[in-house]
Amino acid sequence: MKFIGIIPARYASTRFPGKPLADMAGKPMIQRVYEQVEGVLDNVCVATDDTRIETAVKNFGGNVVMTSAQHRSGTDRCYEAYCKAGKGYDVVVNIQGDEPFIHPEQIETLKACFNNEQVEIATLVKPFRPDDDFETTLFNANSPKVVLNKNSEAMYFSRSIIPYMRGKKYTEWLPNHTYYKHIGLYAYRADTLKEITLLPQSPLELAESLEQLRWLENGYRIKVGITNRETIGIDTPEDMEKALAFLNNQHKTR
């Protein structure tokens, strides 16, 4: 089975314009993402609609595909890039361009989901720790939660806390139940990726602003791999400051 990783990257961002090209200790962020995953996939490319990002990727020797500026989502951009550069690959891995600390082990966990030939779509979750701060983690609407069935498939994703623990104070929830944080990394069989890009937006997706709910509403199953590695998503310049501090600490401990 052959896997291609596609990293959708847009220059425009309301909270952090030019984010993919933001400098991270001498390398643009998109390069750090690329380098984290290229060793564990059969091919990797960046999918963008911006010539500045295209130039930056070519400058560090990466593969890049120019795509339409009209896409509704990174999934749609992934499919166009796959059509242009990925024919012959069985599974497409959609890698967030603002996750420079994504770990190769997490990609391997995602790939392993497809050892089962029935799997159509896969993603990752990370258990919240019992000692996590409730307000900044579990209650954070920017960190979607997931509930799983006994087959490690997603039953639902929500920005709200799920499940609700009746009869217990909020401070008792994390120590008494395993809650899962969604890690925004997806993989799809190529034919499934084509199908889901043709689906209209769904009521649950519009309510929660979570694209994956469209797939669930249309009957697709999403296999879930579990990772215990933390990732640092970068949405704002303030997030970048934290990421640079983390990167600097990594260099010191080597």
Protein backbone atom coordinates (compact mmCIF):
# COMPACT_ATOMS: atom_id res chain seq x y z
CA MET A 1 0.00 0.00 0.00
CA LYS A 2 1.35 3.40 -1.00
CA PHE A 3 0.78 6.59 1.00
CA ILE A 4 1.08 10.19 -0.19
CA GLY A 5 1.13 13.05 2.31
CA ILE A 6 -0.39 16.35 1.19
CA ILE A 7 0.06 19.54 3.20
CA PRO A 8 -2.56 22.18 2.30
CA ALA A 9 -1.12 25.67 2.81
CA ARG A 10 -2.82 29.04 2.37
CA TYR A 11 -1.11 32.40 2.76
CA ALA A 12 -4.26 34.21 3.84
CA SER A 13 -5.21 33.84 7.48
CA THR A 14 -7.37 36.18 9.52
CA ARG A 15 -5.45 35.60 12.74
CA PHE A 16 -1.98 35.01 11.29
CA PRO A 17 -1.40 36.17 7.68
CA GLY A 18 1.52 34.43 5.98
CA LYS A 19 1.60 31.72 8.62
CA PRO A 20 3.16 28.94 6.46
CA LEU A 21 6.18 31.17 5.79
CA ALA A 22 6.65 32.33 9.38
CA ASP A 23 10.27 31.88 10.42
CA MET A 24 11.00 29.12 12.91
CA ALA A 25 14.66 29.28 13.87
CA GLY A 26 15.83 29.79 10.30
CA LYS A 27 13.25 27.68 8.47
CA PRO A 28 9.73 28.54 7.31
CA MET A 29 7.10 26.65 9.26
CA ILE A 30 5.93 24.77 6.17
CA GLN A 31 9.45 23.33 5.80
CA ARG A 32 9.45 22.05 9.38
CA VAL A 33 6.12 20.30 8.82
CA TYR A 34 7.40 18.80 5.56
CA GLU A 35 10.62 17.51 7.12
CA GLN A 36 8.76 15.91 10.03
CA VAL A 37 6.74 13.61 7.77
CA GLU A 38 8.71 12.99 4.58
CA GLY A 39 10.64 10.03 6.00
CA VAL A 40 7.56 7.93 6.78
CA LEU A 41 5.50 8.41 3.60
CA ASP A 42 6.09 7.31 0.01
CA ASN A 43 5.72 10.89 -1.20
CA VAL A 44 4.95 14.31 0.26
CA CYS A 45 3.84 17.52 -1.41
CA VAL A 46 2.54 20.93 -0.41
CA ALA A 47 -0.75 22.05 -1.99
CA THR A 48 -1.09 25.83 -2.21
CA ASP A 49 -2.72 28.63 -4.16
CA ASP A 50 0.03 31.16 -3.42
CA THR A 51 3.20 31.65 -5.45
CA ARG A 52 5.14 32.83 -2.38
CA ILE A 53 4.55 29.48 -0.70
CA GLU A 54 5.33 27.67 -3.95
CA THR A 55 8.69 29.47 -4.17
CA ALA A 56 9.56 28.75 -0.53
CA VAL A 57 8.86 25.03 -0.93
CA LYS A 58 10.92 24.81 -4.11
CA ASN A 59 13.76 26.65 -2.35
CA PHE A 60 14.10 23.93 0.29
CA GLY A 61 13.77 21.17 -2.31
CA GLY A 62 10.20 20.12 -1.55
CA ASN A 63 7.44 19.05 -3.89
CA VAL A 64 4.63 21.56 -4.43
CA VAL A 65 1.39 21.60 -6.42
CA MET A 66 -0.49 24.78 -7.30
CA THR A 67 -4.23 24.48 -6.65
CA SER A 68 -7.35 26.61 -7.01
CA ALA A 69 -7.99 29.54 -4.68
CA GLN A 70 -11.70 28.63 -4.57
CA HIS A 71 -11.56 25.55 -2.35
CA ARG A 72 -13.89 25.42 0.64
CA SER A 73 -11.52 23.31 2.74
CA GLY A 74 -8.14 21.67 2.99
CA THR A 75 -9.79 18.37 2.03
CA ASP A 76 -10.88 19.80 -1.31
CA ARG A 77 -7.38 21.19 -1.88
CA CYS A 78 -5.92 17.77 -1.04
CA TYR A 79 -8.06 16.09 -3.65
CA GLU A 80 -7.02 18.49 -6.41
CA ALA A 81 -3.36 17.99 -5.46
CA TYR A 82 -3.83 14.22 -5.43
CA CYS A 83 -5.35 14.36 -8.94
CA LYS A 84 -2.35 16.34 -10.16
CA ALA A 85 0.47 14.57 -8.33
CA GLY A 86 -0.79 11.53 -6.49
CA LYS A 87 -2.22 9.05 -8.95
CA GLY A 88 -0.96 5.59 -8.09
CA TYR A 89 -1.21 6.12 -4.32
CA ASP A 90 -3.77 4.16 -2.30
CA VAL A 91 -4.14 6.50 0.69
CA VAL A 92 -3.94 10.28 0.96
CA VAL A 93 -2.73 11.72 4.29
CA ASN A 94 -3.94 15.28 4.94
CA ILE A 95 -1.31 16.96 7.15
CA GLN A 96 -2.00 20.31 8.79
CA GLY A 97 0.46 22.95 7.65
CA ASP A 98 0.50 24.57 11.08
CA GLU A 99 1.63 21.49 13.03
CA PRO A 100 5.45 21.70 12.89
CA PHE A 101 5.87 19.22 15.73
CA ILE A 102 3.80 16.42 14.24
CA HIS A 103 5.77 13.27 15.01
CA PRO A 104 6.64 10.47 12.53
CA GLU A 105 5.26 7.99 15.05
CA GLN A 106 1.83 9.64 14.70
CA ILE A 107 1.93 9.19 10.94
CA GLU A 108 2.78 5.51 11.47
CA THR A 109 -0.19 5.13 13.82
CA LEU A 110 -2.47 6.65 11.20
CA LYS A 111 -1.07 4.42 8.45
CA ALA A 112 -1.61 1.32 10.59
CA CYS A 113 -5.36 1.99 10.62
CA PHE A 114 -5.43 0.94 6.95
CA ASN A 115 -4.18 -2.55 7.73
CA ASN A 116 -7.92 -3.21 7.94
CA GLU A 117 -9.16 -3.09 4.35
CA GLN A 118 -12.58 -1.91 5.51
CA VAL A 119 -11.22 1.41 6.79
CA GLU A 120 -12.23 4.36 4.60
CA ILE A 121 -11.07 7.34 6.67
CA ALA A 122 -8.78 7.54 9.69
CA THR A 123 -7.75 10.21 12.16
CA LEU A 124 -5.95 10.55 15.51
CA VAL A 125 -6.94 11.40 19.06
CA LYS A 126 -4.97 12.01 22.23
CA PRO A 127 -6.35 11.28 25.71
CA PHE A 128 -6.57 14.30 27.97
CA ARG A 129 -4.55 13.78 31.14
CA PRO A 130 -6.43 13.44 34.45
CA ASP A 131 -4.47 16.43 35.80
CA ASP A 132 -5.12 18.71 32.78
CA ASP A 133 -6.63 22.07 33.64
CA PHE A 134 -10.34 21.87 32.92
CA GLU A 135 -10.81 25.47 31.76
CA THR A 136 -7.90 25.59 29.30
CA THR A 137 -8.18 22.06 27.91
CA LEU A 138 -11.51 20.25 28.16
CA PHE A 139 -13.58 23.46 28.13
CA ASN A 140 -11.62 24.90 25.18
CA ALA A 141 -13.93 25.13 22.13
CA ASN A 142 -10.90 25.34 19.82
CA SER A 143 -9.92 21.82 20.87
CA PRO A 144 -12.61 19.43 19.54
CA LYS A 145 -13.46 16.38 21.58
CA VAL A 146 -14.29 12.90 20.23
CA VAL A 147 -16.26 9.95 21.58
CA LEU A 148 -15.35 6.48 20.33
CA ASN A 149 -17.21 3.21 19.98
CA LYS A 150 -15.80 -0.16 21.02
CA ASN A 151 -14.22 -0.57 17.57
CA SER A 152 -12.18 2.63 17.96
CA GLU A 153 -14.35 4.49 15.46
CA ALA A 154 -15.54 8.05 15.97
CA MET A 155 -19.15 8.33 17.08
CA TYR A 156 -19.17 12.14 17.23
CA PHE A 157 -16.88 15.18 17.30
CA SER A 158 -17.81 18.31 19.21
CA ARG A 159 -16.45 21.62 20.40
CA SER A 160 -18.52 21.01 23.51
CA ILE A 161 -17.47 18.58 26.21
CA ILE A 162 -18.64 15.07 25.41
CA PRO A 163 -19.74 13.06 27.22
CA TYR A 164 -21.42 15.09 29.96
CA MET A 165 -20.82 13.49 33.36
CA ARG A 166 -24.06 13.70 35.27
CA GLY A 167 -23.84 13.94 39.03
CA LYS A 168 -20.19 15.04 39.19
CA LYS A 169 -18.58 18.47 39.45
CA TYR A 170 -16.58 19.67 36.45
CA THR A 171 -13.38 19.30 38.46
CA GLU A 172 -14.09 15.57 38.80
CA TRP A 173 -14.66 14.85 35.12
CA LEU A 174 -11.10 14.35 33.88
CA PRO A 175 -9.99 12.09 36.77
CA ASN A 176 -13.10 9.90 36.35
CA HIS A 177 -13.41 9.45 32.60
CA THR A 178 -11.07 9.25 29.59
CA TYR A 179 -11.79 12.21 27.32
CA TYR A 180 -10.22 12.38 23.87
CA LYS A 181 -8.82 15.42 22.11
CA HIS A 182 -8.97 15.36 18.32
CA ILE A 183 -5.65 15.68 16.50
CA GLY A 184 -6.43 17.27 13.11
CA LEU A 185 -4.65 14.71 10.95
CA TYR A 186 -6.68 12.70 8.43
CA ALA A 187 -6.08 9.93 5.95
CA TYR A 188 -8.47 8.72 3.28
CA ARG A 189 -8.52 6.00 0.67
CA ALA A 190 -8.26 7.76 -2.67
CA ASP A 191 -11.75 6.81 -3.87
CA THR A 192 -13.27 7.89 -0.54
CA LEU A 193 -11.53 11.26 -0.75
CA LYS A 194 -13.15 11.84 -4.14
CA GLU A 195 -16.58 10.93 -2.75
CA ILE A 196 -16.48 13.19 0.30
CA THR A 197 -15.43 16.25 -1.71
CA LEU A 198 -18.73 15.92 -3.60
CA LEU A 199 -20.88 16.01 -0.47
CA PRO A 200 -22.84 19.19 0.35
CA GLN A 201 -22.30 20.80 3.74
CA SER A 202 -24.41 19.19 6.42
CA PRO A 203 -26.44 20.58 9.35
CA LEU A 204 -24.11 19.27 12.06
CA GLU A 205 -21.05 20.50 10.19
CA LEU A 206 -22.56 23.98 9.91
CA ALA A 207 -23.54 23.97 13.58
CA GLU A 208 -20.12 22.96 14.93
CA SER A 209 -17.92 24.15 12.05
CA LEU A 210 -16.32 20.69 11.92
CA GLU A 211 -16.01 19.22 8.44
CA GLN A 212 -15.72 15.63 9.63
CA LEU A 213 -19.31 15.70 10.85
CA ARG A 214 -20.40 15.89 7.20
CA TRP A 215 -18.77 12.52 6.62
CA LEU A 216 -20.39 10.94 9.66
CA GLU A 217 -23.81 12.32 8.70
CA ASN A 218 -23.43 10.69 5.31
CA GLY A 219 -22.67 7.28 6.77
CA TYR A 220 -18.87 7.16 6.50
CA ARG A 221 -16.98 5.50 9.34
CA ILE A 222 -13.87 7.16 10.74
CA LYS A 223 -11.27 4.87 12.29
CA VAL A 224 -9.37 6.41 15.19
CA GLY A 225 -5.76 5.85 16.15
CA ILE A 226 -4.63 6.86 19.61
CA THR A 227 -1.43 8.81 20.27
CA ASN A 228 0.03 10.00 23.54
CA ARG A 229 2.27 12.57 21.89
CA GLU A 230 1.25 16.20 22.19
CA THR A 231 1.29 18.45 19.16
CA ILE A 232 1.39 22.24 19.05
CA GLY A 233 -0.94 23.81 16.52
CA ILE A 234 -0.13 27.38 15.55
CA ASP A 235 -3.11 29.66 14.94
CA THR A 236 -1.82 33.03 16.12
CA PRO A 237 1.48 34.92 16.54
CA GLU A 238 1.19 34.19 20.26
CA ASP A 239 1.08 30.47 19.50
CA MET A 240 4.24 30.91 17.44
CA GLU A 241 6.03 32.43 20.45
CA LYS A 242 5.16 29.32 22.48
CA ALA A 243 6.25 27.04 19.63
CA LEU A 244 9.60 28.78 19.31
CA ALA A 245 10.17 28.42 23.04
CA PHE A 246 9.36 24.70 22.73
CA LEU A 247 11.72 24.35 19.76
CA ASN A 248 14.51 26.13 21.60
CA ASN A 249 14.04 23.84 24.59
CA GLN A 250 14.25 20.80 22.32
CA HIS A 251 17.57 21.98 20.96
CA LYS A 252 18.93 22.54 24.47
CA THR A 253 18.03 19.02 25.60
CA ARG A 254 19.72 17.27 22.67
